[in-house]
Amino acid sequence: NLSYTPEQIIVCCGAKQAIFNAIMALVDEGDEVLLPVPYWVSYQEMINFAGGKIINIPTNEQTDFKVTGKLLKSYLTAKSKLFILNSPSNPTGMVYNYRELAEIADILIEHKIFCISDEIYEKLVYDNCPHISIASLGQEIKNLTIVINGLSKAYSMTGWRVGYAAGEQSLIKAMNNLQDHSTSNITSFVQYAAIEALKNTEVKKMVEEFSRRREYLVKALSQIPGLSLIKPQGAFYVWVNITKLKNKKYDTRIIDSSLTLAELLLEKAGLAVIPGIVFGEDNYLRISYATSFRDIQQGLANLAAFVKKIK
């Protein structure tokens, strides 16, 4: 439910460059950027590069790892410049609903705070959970929002590097000015491939397959002692609580952090997972189901056997 003119759109070398351009165009030295925790790993480094001050907003399982309007308001200061929203979320897989977005939008409008809305997982939602862009809630919030999207996730074009941003014309012009002196444009023939992808009807089949993997993974993980989770609504990740495994031992090694556990899983069980600490939350692991069903089955068997050896 969004409409933009060509002057309000920039095409970039992946959504990552679009986010980088937006942060560089918006954030000046000392500006405060409101960042919900857990966060995608690159947000922090981009904000640091721009000279911004990161204001982490911790979330928890009680709010499905989402920022409420009340929580957001408690972190505002006179220097608040930008709020970063990621829905569906990487790493939690949670999706903001209309009411939650409306609360946030009202606060951003009242305090004239910009919003980067990272919607790269827009198409990957499950259980009839709708994706809603915060920019679609009205003209005022649309003017404050830069919508980020791309083809890497929904269209499996990760290495092709096709991303884009849409927003108020002066903001997009500033991003274009930056890109003119870095990559200029993305490869032209890749854009033609992207057009074909956007015409494709395979996304529905892929979402159905992801949903099947998600159901299997969630059920199996819930049966492994020491692990717990909230069922994700989107993306292709499960955010697994490992609190009950921390400070226990595997052989002679103490599991003192998510990083230690991730290293042990790789070394002893042949499993590649991402430690929660890189997302700002050490009591979790991120597990991806963007792999074959057979690999998921084998991985879960390895994980269950590994956990049994923890004392």
Foldseek 3Di string as FASTA:
>chain_A
DDDADPLQKAKWQALVLVLLLLLLLFDAAAAEEEEEPLADLCVVVSCVVRNYHYDYQYDDVVVLSDDALVSVVVRDDLRHAEYEAEACGVPAQAGDDPVRLVSNLVVCLVNVHAYEYECAFQLQFDPPGHHDDSLVPDVSNQQRYKYKYFCCALLVPVVQRIIMIGGDSVSVVSSQVVCCPPVNGRDPVSVVVVVVSVVDPCSVVVSVVLVVLLVVLQVLQCPQPQKHFDRRGGDFKTKIFNQSLAQWDQVNDGRPWQVVVQVCCCVPQVDHWAASVSSVDTRIIIDGPPDDSVVSVSSSVSVSVRSVRTD
